[in-house]
N, C-alpha and C. Protein backbone atom coordinates (compact mmCIF):
# COMPACT_ATOMS: atom_id res chain seq x y z
N MET A 1 5.45 17.83 -15.49
CA MET A 1 4.38 17.16 -15.21
C MET A 1 3.02 17.35 -16.07
N SER A 2 2.60 16.62 -16.70
CA SER A 2 1.53 16.77 -17.55
C SER A 2 0.41 16.94 -17.04
N SER A 3 -0.75 17.56 -17.70
CA SER A 3 -2.04 18.19 -17.22
C SER A 3 -2.99 16.83 -16.77
N ARG A 4 -2.64 15.59 -17.56
CA ARG A 4 -3.48 14.59 -16.75
C ARG A 4 -2.89 14.10 -15.31
N ALA A 5 -1.67 14.02 -15.25
CA ALA A 5 -0.92 13.86 -13.79
C ALA A 5 -1.37 14.72 -12.85
N LEU A 6 -1.22 16.02 -13.48
CA LEU A 6 -1.60 17.13 -12.38
C LEU A 6 -3.07 17.03 -11.79
N ASN A 7 -4.05 16.57 -12.85
CA ASN A 7 -5.34 16.52 -12.38
C ASN A 7 -5.51 15.32 -11.59
N LEU A 8 -4.70 14.35 -11.89
CA LEU A 8 -4.91 13.27 -10.69
C LEU A 8 -4.40 13.59 -9.18
N ALA A 9 -3.29 14.12 -9.48
CA ALA A 9 -2.76 14.38 -8.29
C ALA A 9 -3.60 15.76 -7.40
N MET A 10 -3.92 16.41 -8.22
CA MET A 10 -5.10 17.26 -7.38
C MET A 10 -6.56 16.38 -6.90
N GLU A 11 -6.83 15.44 -7.45
CA GLU A 11 -7.90 14.52 -7.18
C GLU A 11 -7.49 13.86 -6.03
N ARG A 12 -6.35 13.15 -6.07
CA ARG A 12 -5.91 12.19 -5.27
C ARG A 12 -4.33 12.71 -4.56
N PRO A 13 -4.48 13.58 -3.81
CA PRO A 13 -3.16 14.15 -3.15
C PRO A 13 -2.11 13.37 -2.75
N LEU A 14 -2.65 11.99 -2.10
CA LEU A 14 -1.54 11.38 -1.54
C LEU A 14 -0.84 10.90 -2.73
N THR A 15 -1.37 10.93 -3.96
CA THR A 15 -0.30 10.43 -5.11
C THR A 15 0.91 10.90 -5.34
N LEU A 16 0.99 12.24 -4.85
CA LEU A 16 2.23 13.13 -4.95
C LEU A 16 3.10 13.23 -3.86
N CYS A 17 2.50 12.26 -2.63
CA CYS A 17 3.16 12.16 -1.50
C CYS A 17 3.81 10.69 -1.28
N TRP A 18 3.66 9.83 -2.05
CA TRP A 18 3.79 8.51 -2.16
C TRP A 18 5.30 7.98 -1.04
N TRP A 19 6.40 8.90 -1.72
CA TRP A 19 7.76 8.62 -0.92
C TRP A 19 7.61 9.10 0.72
N ILE A 20 6.68 9.69 0.98
CA ILE A 20 6.86 10.22 2.57
C ILE A 20 6.29 8.99 2.95
N PHE A 21 5.22 8.08 2.78
CA PHE A 21 4.70 7.09 3.41
C PHE A 21 5.83 6.15 3.27
N ALA A 22 6.49 5.72 1.93
CA ALA A 22 7.71 4.78 1.62
C ALA A 22 8.80 4.83 2.58
N VAL A 23 9.23 6.40 3.00
CA VAL A 23 10.46 6.66 3.75
C VAL A 23 9.93 6.12 5.35
N ARG A 24 8.90 6.53 5.48
CA ARG A 24 8.18 6.50 6.85
C ARG A 24 8.14 5.05 7.35
N GLY A 25 7.62 4.02 6.44
CA GLY A 25 7.78 2.69 6.34
C GLY A 25 9.17 2.18 6.82
N GLY A 26 9.92 2.61 5.88
CA GLY A 26 11.23 2.08 5.75
C GLY A 26 12.03 2.23 7.51
N LEU A 27 11.70 3.44 7.69
CA LEU A 27 12.45 4.00 9.16
C LEU A 27 11.85 3.29 10.13
N ALA A 28 10.53 3.23 10.10
CA ALA A 28 9.79 2.14 10.80
C ALA A 28 10.01 0.72 10.93
N VAL A 29 10.35 0.08 9.87
CA VAL A 29 10.62 -1.44 9.90
C VAL A 29 12.15 -1.55 10.57
N VAL A 30 13.06 -0.36 9.94
CA VAL A 30 14.50 -0.51 10.83
C VAL A 30 14.49 -0.51 12.18
N PHE A 31 13.74 0.87 12.62
CA PHE A 31 13.67 1.13 13.95
C PHE A 31 13.12 -0.34 14.80
N ALA A 32 12.29 -1.09 14.19
CA ALA A 32 11.52 -2.18 14.89
C ALA A 32 12.62 -3.39 15.17
N VAL A 33 12.89 -3.29 13.91
CA VAL A 33 14.41 -4.59 13.96
C VAL A 33 15.58 -4.06 15.12
N VAL A 34 15.70 -2.89 15.10
CA VAL A 34 16.96 -2.54 16.07
C VAL A 34 16.21 -2.62 17.23
N LEU A 35 15.03 -2.22 17.80
CA LEU A 35 14.50 -2.08 18.98
C LEU A 35 14.29 -3.80 19.20
N PHE A 36 14.04 -4.70 18.47
CA PHE A 36 13.56 -5.95 18.74
C PHE A 36 14.96 -6.34 19.27
N LEU A 37 15.79 -6.34 18.67
CA LEU A 37 17.60 -6.82 19.05
C LEU A 37 17.94 -6.46 20.15
N THR A 38 17.45 -5.12 20.39
CA THR A 38 18.05 -4.30 21.73
C THR A 38 16.96 -5.27 22.79
N SER A 39 16.01 -5.32 22.90
CA SER A 39 15.09 -5.98 23.75
C SER A 39 15.64 -7.52 23.98
N ILE A 40 16.14 -8.29 22.87
CA ILE A 40 16.73 -9.55 23.39
C ILE A 40 18.02 -9.40 24.30
N PHE A 41 18.61 -8.39 24.08
CA PHE A 41 19.64 -8.32 25.10
C PHE A 41 19.73 -7.56 26.23
N LEU A 42 18.48 -7.15 26.33
CA LEU A 42 18.08 -6.13 27.41
C LEU A 42 18.56 -7.07 28.76
N GLY A 43 19.37 -5.68 29.35
CA GLY A 43 19.84 -6.23 30.60
C GLY A 43 20.77 -7.63 31.03
N ILE A 44 20.96 -7.87 29.57
CA ILE A 44 21.98 -9.31 29.71
C ILE A 44 23.45 -9.02 29.80
N PHE A 45 23.88 -7.82 28.70
CA PHE A 45 25.06 -7.15 28.66
C PHE A 45 25.31 -5.92 29.14
N PHE A 46 24.51 -5.28 29.60
CA PHE A 46 24.69 -4.05 29.78
C PHE A 46 23.85 -3.92 31.31
N PHE A 47 24.48 -2.80 31.73
CA PHE A 47 23.40 -2.35 33.12
C PHE A 47 22.16 -2.03 32.58
N ASP A 48 21.16 -2.07 33.67
CA ASP A 48 19.82 -1.39 33.18
C ASP A 48 19.63 -0.14 33.05
N PRO A 49 20.38 0.75 33.87
CA PRO A 49 20.43 2.28 33.72
C PRO A 49 21.11 2.89 32.25
N VAL A 50 22.10 2.02 32.00
CA VAL A 50 22.88 2.47 30.41
C VAL A 50 22.15 1.84 29.32
N THR A 51 21.27 0.91 29.55
CA THR A 51 20.11 0.31 28.39
C THR A 51 19.15 1.29 28.55
N LEU A 52 18.57 1.67 29.50
CA LEU A 52 17.31 2.71 29.14
C LEU A 52 17.56 4.19 28.70
N VAL A 53 19.25 4.47 28.88
CA VAL A 53 19.58 5.62 28.13
C VAL A 53 19.89 5.36 26.75
N TYR A 54 20.37 4.06 26.37
CA TYR A 54 20.28 3.92 25.12
C TYR A 54 19.24 4.00 24.23
N LEU A 55 18.04 3.12 25.02
CA LEU A 55 16.78 3.05 24.59
C LEU A 55 16.02 4.61 24.31
N SER A 56 16.44 5.82 25.37
CA SER A 56 16.16 6.73 25.25
C SER A 56 16.42 7.56 24.10
N LEU A 57 17.61 7.24 23.60
CA LEU A 57 18.71 7.83 22.57
C LEU A 57 17.98 7.36 21.58
N LEU A 58 17.43 5.90 21.27
CA LEU A 58 17.25 5.33 20.17
C LEU A 58 15.61 5.72 19.87
N LEU A 59 14.82 5.77 20.82
CA LEU A 59 13.11 6.11 20.38
C LEU A 59 13.36 7.76 20.28
N GLY A 60 14.23 8.46 20.95
CA GLY A 60 14.12 10.00 20.54
C GLY A 60 14.70 10.43 19.27
N SER A 61 15.98 9.36 18.62
CA SER A 61 16.30 9.92 17.58
C SER A 61 15.45 9.29 16.50
N PHE A 62 14.46 8.33 16.61
CA PHE A 62 13.66 7.84 15.62
C PHE A 62 12.43 8.97 15.57
N VAL A 63 11.60 9.19 16.78
CA VAL A 63 10.67 10.03 16.83
C VAL A 63 10.90 11.64 15.84
N LEU A 64 12.34 12.11 16.02
CA LEU A 64 12.72 13.12 15.71
C LEU A 64 12.88 12.89 14.29
N SER A 65 13.53 12.13 13.89
CA SER A 65 13.66 11.73 12.17
C SER A 65 12.23 11.62 11.68
N ASN A 66 11.66 11.20 12.28
CA ASN A 66 9.90 11.11 11.84
C ASN A 66 9.47 12.48 11.76
N GLY A 67 9.67 13.09 12.59
CA GLY A 67 9.34 14.79 12.55
C GLY A 67 10.17 15.38 11.53
N LEU A 68 11.28 15.44 11.32
CA LEU A 68 11.97 15.95 10.03
C LEU A 68 11.21 15.62 8.95
N LEU A 69 11.39 14.45 8.63
CA LEU A 69 10.44 13.70 7.39
C LEU A 69 9.50 14.60 7.34
N LEU A 70 8.20 14.41 8.43
CA LEU A 70 7.10 15.18 8.09
C LEU A 70 7.06 16.76 7.73
N ALA A 71 8.36 17.57 8.55
CA ALA A 71 8.43 18.74 8.18
C ALA A 71 8.64 18.89 6.89
N VAL A 72 9.55 18.20 6.19
CA VAL A 72 9.82 18.11 4.59
C VAL A 72 8.67 17.69 3.92
N ALA A 73 7.89 16.92 4.26
CA ALA A 73 6.80 16.74 3.45
C ALA A 73 5.63 18.00 3.72
N ALA A 74 5.81 18.42 4.73
CA ALA A 74 4.59 19.50 4.94
C ALA A 74 5.15 20.46 4.12
N GLY A 75 6.49 20.83 3.80
CA GLY A 75 6.92 21.88 3.06
C GLY A 75 6.68 21.54 1.52
N PHE A 76 6.81 20.00 1.09
CA PHE A 76 6.33 19.66 -0.16
C PHE A 76 5.17 19.70 -0.43
N ALA A 77 4.12 19.28 0.44
CA ALA A 77 2.67 19.77 0.16
C ALA A 77 2.46 21.18 0.35
N TYR A 78 2.84 22.06 0.88
CA TYR A 78 2.55 23.37 0.87
C TYR A 78 3.20 23.94 -0.63
N GLU A 79 4.16 23.53 -1.04
CA GLU A 79 4.87 24.21 -2.35
C GLU A 79 4.05 23.53 -3.55
N HIS A 80 3.40 22.35 -3.31
CA HIS A 80 2.43 21.93 -4.43
C HIS A 80 0.99 22.04 -4.24
N ARG A 81 0.60 23.05 -3.27
CA ARG A 81 -0.34 23.45 -2.92
C ARG A 81 -1.52 22.57 -2.65
N LEU A 82 -1.05 21.56 -1.82
CA LEU A 82 -2.17 20.17 -1.45
C LEU A 82 -2.44 20.68 -0.19
N HIS A 83 -3.85 20.69 0.07
CA HIS A 83 -4.66 21.01 1.28
C HIS A 83 -4.27 20.25 2.62
N LEU A 84 -3.40 19.26 2.49
CA LEU A 84 -2.87 18.46 3.80
C LEU A 84 -1.62 19.06 4.14
N TRP A 85 -1.16 19.93 3.69
CA TRP A 85 -0.04 20.67 4.46
C TRP A 85 -0.17 20.79 5.90
N TRP A 86 -1.17 21.32 6.20
CA TRP A 86 -1.24 21.81 7.68
C TRP A 86 -1.15 20.79 8.69
N LEU A 87 -1.96 19.52 8.05
CA LEU A 87 -1.88 18.12 8.97
C LEU A 87 -0.22 17.89 9.17
N ALA A 88 0.47 17.55 7.70
CA ALA A 88 1.69 17.42 8.13
C ALA A 88 2.58 17.97 9.05
N LEU A 89 2.32 19.43 9.06
CA LEU A 89 2.93 20.53 9.85
C LEU A 89 2.71 20.21 11.57
N GLY A 90 1.45 19.94 11.72
CA GLY A 90 1.17 19.62 12.74
C GLY A 90 1.62 18.17 13.27
N GLU A 91 1.42 17.15 12.70
CA GLU A 91 2.30 15.97 13.17
C GLU A 91 3.80 16.28 13.11
N ALA A 92 4.31 17.02 12.51
CA ALA A 92 5.72 17.34 12.47
C ALA A 92 6.00 17.90 13.74
N CYS A 93 5.25 18.82 14.04
CA CYS A 93 5.59 19.83 15.13
C CYS A 93 5.53 18.74 16.49
N PHE A 94 4.39 18.27 16.66
CA PHE A 94 4.34 17.00 17.71
C PHE A 94 5.18 16.21 17.85
N ALA A 95 6.00 15.32 16.66
CA ALA A 95 7.05 14.45 16.51
C ALA A 95 8.33 15.00 17.11
N LEU A 96 8.50 16.51 16.47
CA LEU A 96 9.60 17.33 16.78
C LEU A 96 9.88 17.33 18.33
N LEU A 97 8.53 17.89 19.02
CA LEU A 97 8.74 18.53 20.41
C LEU A 97 8.74 17.09 21.09
N LEU A 98 8.48 15.93 21.11
CA LEU A 98 8.09 14.65 21.47
C LEU A 98 9.74 13.96 21.49
N GLY A 99 10.28 14.15 20.32
CA GLY A 99 11.57 13.58 19.86
C GLY A 99 12.69 14.46 20.87
N VAL A 100 12.46 15.66 20.69
CA VAL A 100 13.43 16.75 21.62
C VAL A 100 13.40 16.27 23.26
N TYR A 101 12.18 16.35 23.56
CA TYR A 101 11.74 15.98 24.96
C TYR A 101 12.31 14.49 25.55
N ILE A 102 12.36 13.66 24.59
CA ILE A 102 12.68 12.20 24.76
C ILE A 102 14.13 12.27 24.83
N GLY A 103 15.01 13.19 23.92
CA GLY A 103 16.22 12.97 23.53
C GLY A 103 17.07 13.77 25.16
N ILE A 104 16.16 14.84 25.43
CA ILE A 104 16.92 15.57 26.42
C ILE A 104 16.76 14.99 27.72
N SER A 105 15.43 14.50 27.76
CA SER A 105 15.35 14.00 29.06
C SER A 105 16.13 12.54 29.34
N LEU A 106 16.69 11.87 28.82
CA LEU A 106 17.45 10.78 28.71
C LEU A 106 17.68 9.66 30.00
N MET A 107 16.81 10.15 30.66
CA MET A 107 16.67 9.09 31.92
C MET A 107 15.20 8.32 31.88
N LEU A 108 15.11 7.22 31.05
CA LEU A 108 14.05 6.60 31.11
C LEU A 108 13.80 5.50 32.28
N THR A 109 12.75 5.51 32.69
CA THR A 109 12.36 4.45 33.48
C THR A 109 11.71 3.33 32.62
N SER A 110 11.47 2.26 33.28
CA SER A 110 10.40 1.29 32.21
C SER A 110 8.90 1.86 32.29
N GLN A 111 8.66 2.70 33.39
CA GLN A 111 7.19 3.27 33.42
C GLN A 111 7.13 4.51 32.01
N SER A 112 8.37 5.31 32.36
CA SER A 112 8.30 6.37 31.43
C SER A 112 8.28 5.99 29.90
N LEU A 113 9.19 4.92 29.47
CA LEU A 113 9.31 4.21 28.15
C LEU A 113 7.85 3.74 27.62
N ALA A 114 7.14 2.95 28.49
CA ALA A 114 5.98 2.79 27.99
C ALA A 114 5.08 4.11 28.00
N LEU A 115 5.11 5.12 28.46
CA LEU A 115 4.38 6.39 28.78
C LEU A 115 4.73 7.02 27.51
N LEU A 116 5.89 6.90 27.14
CA LEU A 116 6.34 8.22 26.05
C LEU A 116 6.05 7.21 24.68
N ALA A 117 6.03 6.02 24.83
CA ALA A 117 5.38 5.13 23.68
C ALA A 117 3.95 5.35 23.47
N GLY A 118 3.23 5.27 24.58
CA GLY A 118 1.98 5.21 24.19
C GLY A 118 1.41 6.69 23.67
N ILE A 119 2.49 7.64 24.06
CA ILE A 119 2.19 9.05 23.83
C ILE A 119 2.15 9.13 22.19
N HIS A 120 3.42 8.42 21.73
CA HIS A 120 4.19 8.66 20.37
C HIS A 120 3.07 7.77 19.46
N ALA A 121 2.44 7.02 20.06
CA ALA A 121 1.25 5.77 19.37
C ALA A 121 -0.09 6.93 19.23
N LEU A 122 -0.47 7.56 20.32
CA LEU A 122 -1.81 8.11 20.07
C LEU A 122 -1.37 9.17 19.28
N GLY A 123 -0.22 9.96 19.54
CA GLY A 123 -0.22 11.27 18.70
C GLY A 123 -0.36 10.70 16.95
N THR A 124 0.53 9.55 16.58
CA THR A 124 0.34 9.12 15.26
C THR A 124 -0.79 8.53 14.71
N GLY A 125 -1.78 7.83 15.95
CA GLY A 125 -3.07 7.36 15.53
C GLY A 125 -3.98 8.61 15.08
N CYS A 126 -3.78 9.79 15.91
CA CYS A 126 -4.91 10.94 15.93
C CYS A 126 -4.26 11.45 14.75
N PHE A 127 -3.51 11.66 14.18
CA PHE A 127 -2.89 12.47 13.01
C PHE A 127 -3.24 11.65 12.03
N GLN A 128 -3.04 10.30 11.71
CA GLN A 128 -3.30 9.46 10.83
C GLN A 128 -5.06 9.13 10.60
N THR A 129 -5.78 9.12 11.50
CA THR A 129 -7.34 9.36 11.26
C THR A 129 -7.86 10.63 10.85
N ALA A 130 -7.01 11.71 11.46
CA ALA A 130 -7.40 12.91 10.79
C ALA A 130 -7.02 12.95 9.19
N LEU A 131 -5.93 12.30 8.93
CA LEU A 131 -5.66 12.43 7.49
C LEU A 131 -6.46 11.38 6.66
N ALA A 132 -7.07 10.44 7.49
CA ALA A 132 -8.09 9.61 6.58
C ALA A 132 -9.35 10.32 6.23
N ILE A 133 -9.82 10.94 7.55
CA ILE A 133 -11.15 12.20 7.43
C ILE A 133 -10.92 12.88 6.17
N LYS A 134 -9.78 13.56 6.30
CA LYS A 134 -9.47 14.94 5.46
C LYS A 134 -9.55 13.94 3.83
N LEU A 135 -8.84 13.19 3.93
CA LEU A 135 -8.94 12.46 2.54
C LEU A 135 -10.02 11.38 2.34
N ARG A 136 -11.20 11.48 2.74
CA ARG A 136 -12.16 10.60 2.66
C ARG A 136 -12.39 9.93 1.15
N GLU A 137 -12.44 11.11 0.35
CA GLU A 137 -12.70 10.84 -1.12
C GLU A 137 -11.85 9.90 -1.81
N ASP A 138 -10.75 9.55 -1.21
CA ASP A 138 -9.85 8.82 -1.89
C ASP A 138 -10.16 7.67 -1.42
N ARG A 139 -10.89 6.96 -1.78
CA ARG A 139 -11.55 5.43 -1.47
C ARG A 139 -10.60 4.43 -1.39
N PRO A 140 -9.89 4.30 -2.59
CA PRO A 140 -9.05 3.11 -2.36
C PRO A 140 -8.08 2.98 -1.43
N ASN A 141 -7.71 4.36 -0.79
CA ASN A 141 -6.63 4.24 0.27
C ASN A 141 -7.31 4.49 1.57
N LEU A 142 -8.57 4.91 1.72
CA LEU A 142 -9.03 5.22 2.97
C LEU A 142 -9.11 4.34 3.95
N LEU A 143 -9.15 3.11 3.50
CA LEU A 143 -9.38 1.74 4.49
C LEU A 143 -8.02 1.52 5.18
N MET A 144 -6.85 1.67 4.67
CA MET A 144 -5.75 1.60 4.93
C MET A 144 -5.41 2.61 5.66
N LEU A 145 -5.77 3.92 5.51
CA LEU A 145 -5.20 5.10 6.42
C LEU A 145 -6.23 4.80 7.84
N ILE A 146 -7.45 4.27 7.75
CA ILE A 146 -8.03 4.37 9.03
C ILE A 146 -7.65 2.97 9.47
N VAL A 147 -7.37 1.97 9.04
CA VAL A 147 -6.65 0.79 9.86
C VAL A 147 -5.31 1.26 10.24
N GLY A 148 -4.76 1.93 9.73
CA GLY A 148 -3.27 2.07 10.59
C GLY A 148 -3.76 3.32 11.41
N GLY A 149 -4.66 4.14 11.33
CA GLY A 149 -4.93 5.32 12.46
C GLY A 149 -5.78 4.51 13.75
N VAL A 150 -6.44 3.91 13.55
CA VAL A 150 -7.41 2.97 14.97
C VAL A 150 -6.30 2.01 15.39
N PHE A 151 -5.30 1.41 14.52
CA PHE A 151 -4.08 0.58 15.32
C PHE A 151 -3.25 1.12 16.16
N SER A 152 -2.99 2.30 15.84
CA SER A 152 -2.18 3.07 16.43
C SER A 152 -2.91 3.71 17.87
N LEU A 153 -4.13 4.17 17.55
CA LEU A 153 -4.73 4.78 18.72
C LEU A 153 -4.92 3.48 19.76
N CYS A 154 -5.46 2.32 19.51
CA CYS A 154 -5.51 1.09 20.20
C CYS A 154 -4.33 1.00 20.96
N VAL A 155 -3.27 0.87 20.24
CA VAL A 155 -1.93 0.51 20.51
C VAL A 155 -1.37 1.42 21.85
N GLY A 156 -1.55 2.50 21.42
CA GLY A 156 -1.08 4.01 22.32
C GLY A 156 -2.07 3.88 23.48
N ALA A 157 -3.13 3.22 23.32
CA ALA A 157 -3.92 3.40 24.92
C ALA A 157 -3.58 2.12 25.68
N VAL A 158 -3.03 1.20 25.15
CA VAL A 158 -2.58 -0.28 25.62
C VAL A 158 -1.36 0.16 26.40
N PHE A 159 -0.86 0.79 25.76
CA PHE A 159 0.93 1.32 26.08
C PHE A 159 0.49 2.32 27.56
N LEU A 160 -0.50 2.85 27.36
CA LEU A 160 -0.84 4.21 28.65
C LEU A 160 -1.45 3.31 29.77
N GLU A 161 -2.25 2.28 29.42
CA GLU A 161 -2.95 1.55 30.46
C GLU A 161 -1.91 0.58 31.11
N HIS A 162 -1.18 0.44 30.49
CA HIS A 162 -0.04 -0.89 30.97
C HIS A 162 1.32 -0.31 31.01
N PHE A 163 1.51 1.16 31.51
CA PHE A 163 2.63 1.88 31.86
C PHE A 163 3.80 1.53 32.68
N HIS A 164 3.11 0.31 33.68
CA HIS A 164 4.08 -0.17 34.77
C HIS A 164 4.87 -1.31 34.19
N GLN A 165 4.89 -1.97 33.09
CA GLN A 165 5.38 -3.10 32.73
C GLN A 165 6.60 -2.86 32.69
N ALA A 166 7.62 -4.18 32.73
CA ALA A 166 8.95 -4.15 32.71
C ALA A 166 9.44 -3.52 31.33
N ALA A 167 10.81 -3.11 31.30
CA ALA A 167 11.27 -2.38 29.91
C ALA A 167 11.47 -3.71 28.81
N ARG A 168 11.55 -4.60 29.32
CA ARG A 168 12.00 -5.97 27.90
C ARG A 168 10.54 -6.20 27.12
N PRO A 169 9.41 -6.43 27.89
CA PRO A 169 7.86 -6.72 27.21
C PRO A 169 7.65 -5.27 26.48
N THR A 170 7.97 -3.81 27.07
CA THR A 170 7.32 -2.81 26.80
C THR A 170 8.27 -2.87 25.30
N THR A 171 9.72 -3.07 24.96
CA THR A 171 10.28 -3.10 23.81
C THR A 171 9.92 -3.61 22.88
N GLN A 172 9.74 -4.78 23.44
CA GLN A 172 9.28 -5.67 22.19
C GLN A 172 7.58 -5.60 21.68
N ALA A 173 6.90 -4.97 22.71
CA ALA A 173 5.43 -4.69 22.10
C ALA A 173 5.65 -3.23 21.10
N LEU A 174 6.85 -2.42 21.47
CA LEU A 174 6.92 -1.09 20.68
C LEU A 174 7.54 -1.78 19.40
N ALA A 175 8.35 -2.40 19.45
CA ALA A 175 8.93 -3.18 18.14
C ALA A 175 7.99 -3.74 16.97
N GLY A 176 6.96 -4.34 18.08
CA GLY A 176 5.68 -4.84 17.13
C GLY A 176 4.88 -3.79 16.53
N TYR A 177 4.60 -2.78 17.40
CA TYR A 177 3.86 -1.55 16.72
C TYR A 177 4.49 -1.18 15.46
N GLU A 178 5.89 -0.74 15.73
CA GLU A 178 6.51 -0.23 14.48
C GLU A 178 7.11 -0.98 13.51
N LEU A 179 6.87 -2.29 13.64
CA LEU A 179 6.73 -2.96 12.57
C LEU A 179 5.43 -3.10 11.59
N VAL A 180 4.56 -3.61 12.39
CA VAL A 180 3.03 -3.31 11.81
C VAL A 180 2.82 -1.87 10.88
N ASN A 181 3.05 -0.93 11.89
CA ASN A 181 3.16 0.63 11.12
C ASN A 181 4.06 0.78 10.00
N GLY A 182 5.09 0.12 10.10
CA GLY A 182 5.69 0.22 8.89
C GLY A 182 5.52 -0.41 7.75
N ILE A 183 4.93 -1.71 7.76
CA ILE A 183 4.20 -2.47 6.87
C ILE A 183 2.86 -1.83 6.31
N ILE A 184 2.42 -1.44 6.97
CA ILE A 184 0.79 -0.56 6.45
C ILE A 184 1.53 0.92 6.00
N TRP A 185 2.46 1.42 6.17
CA TRP A 185 3.11 2.88 5.29
C TRP A 185 3.57 2.04 4.47
N SER A 186 4.38 1.11 4.28
CA SER A 186 4.99 0.73 2.96
C SER A 186 4.02 0.26 1.86
N VAL A 187 3.11 -0.49 2.40
CA VAL A 187 1.96 -1.20 1.39
C VAL A 187 1.37 0.23 0.96
N LEU A 188 0.91 1.11 1.54
CA LEU A 188 0.23 2.34 1.19
C LEU A 188 1.12 3.34 0.28
N ALA A 189 2.77 3.37 0.58
CA ALA A 189 3.54 3.77 -0.47
C ALA A 189 3.32 3.16 -1.67
N PHE A 190 3.22 1.76 -1.89
CA PHE A 190 3.24 1.11 -3.03
C PHE A 190 2.28 1.18 -3.81
N ARG A 191 0.72 1.05 -3.02
CA ARG A 191 -0.37 1.52 -3.65
C ARG A 191 -0.33 2.61 -4.31
N LEU A 192 0.02 3.61 -3.49
CA LEU A 192 0.13 4.95 -4.15
C LEU A 192 0.94 5.19 -5.19
N ARG A 193 1.98 4.67 -5.43
CA ARG A 193 3.25 4.71 -6.63
C ARG A 193 2.65 4.21 -7.87
N ARG A 194 1.64 2.81 -7.24
CA ARG A 194 1.11 2.67 -8.94
C ARG A 194 0.23 3.41 -9.16
């Protein structure tokens, strides 16, 4: 790596981590499409308990894969002496614990689906907002991080407030949330790559 690129990376630590946002964005978009297709057929072809177990496995595997990706990102950031490694490690631990809990419980109800989606969105929003605060000197990308963090916090609060909704609207709302989140992360990755 040239000294100019290294100096740029030290000034803007996200430039080295553009691929993290790209993979997270891609995973979120794929998850949103699968979740939306699942919500269309929710209760039509399968019995509701079977569908809720499937949704539990789907949500748990998405959150777990997100946590594994963030753990790799934290290791990468630590290796390159980026000052945000501890933030990535904290979000990785949160996502791994939540993903394992969702995967182990396997018995979602429509109420617990909205509750767990709300916890996931709130956690993502808190860590993304903390990342924006930590990197407030990176003006070109600060707005994107703040918008993503505030959006996640608002969606998480709505999920927690309306935890009693049926599984179909909750699944569709979660698919919409992950689609918007995936687009935000992908656009951020594209901007960081340039």
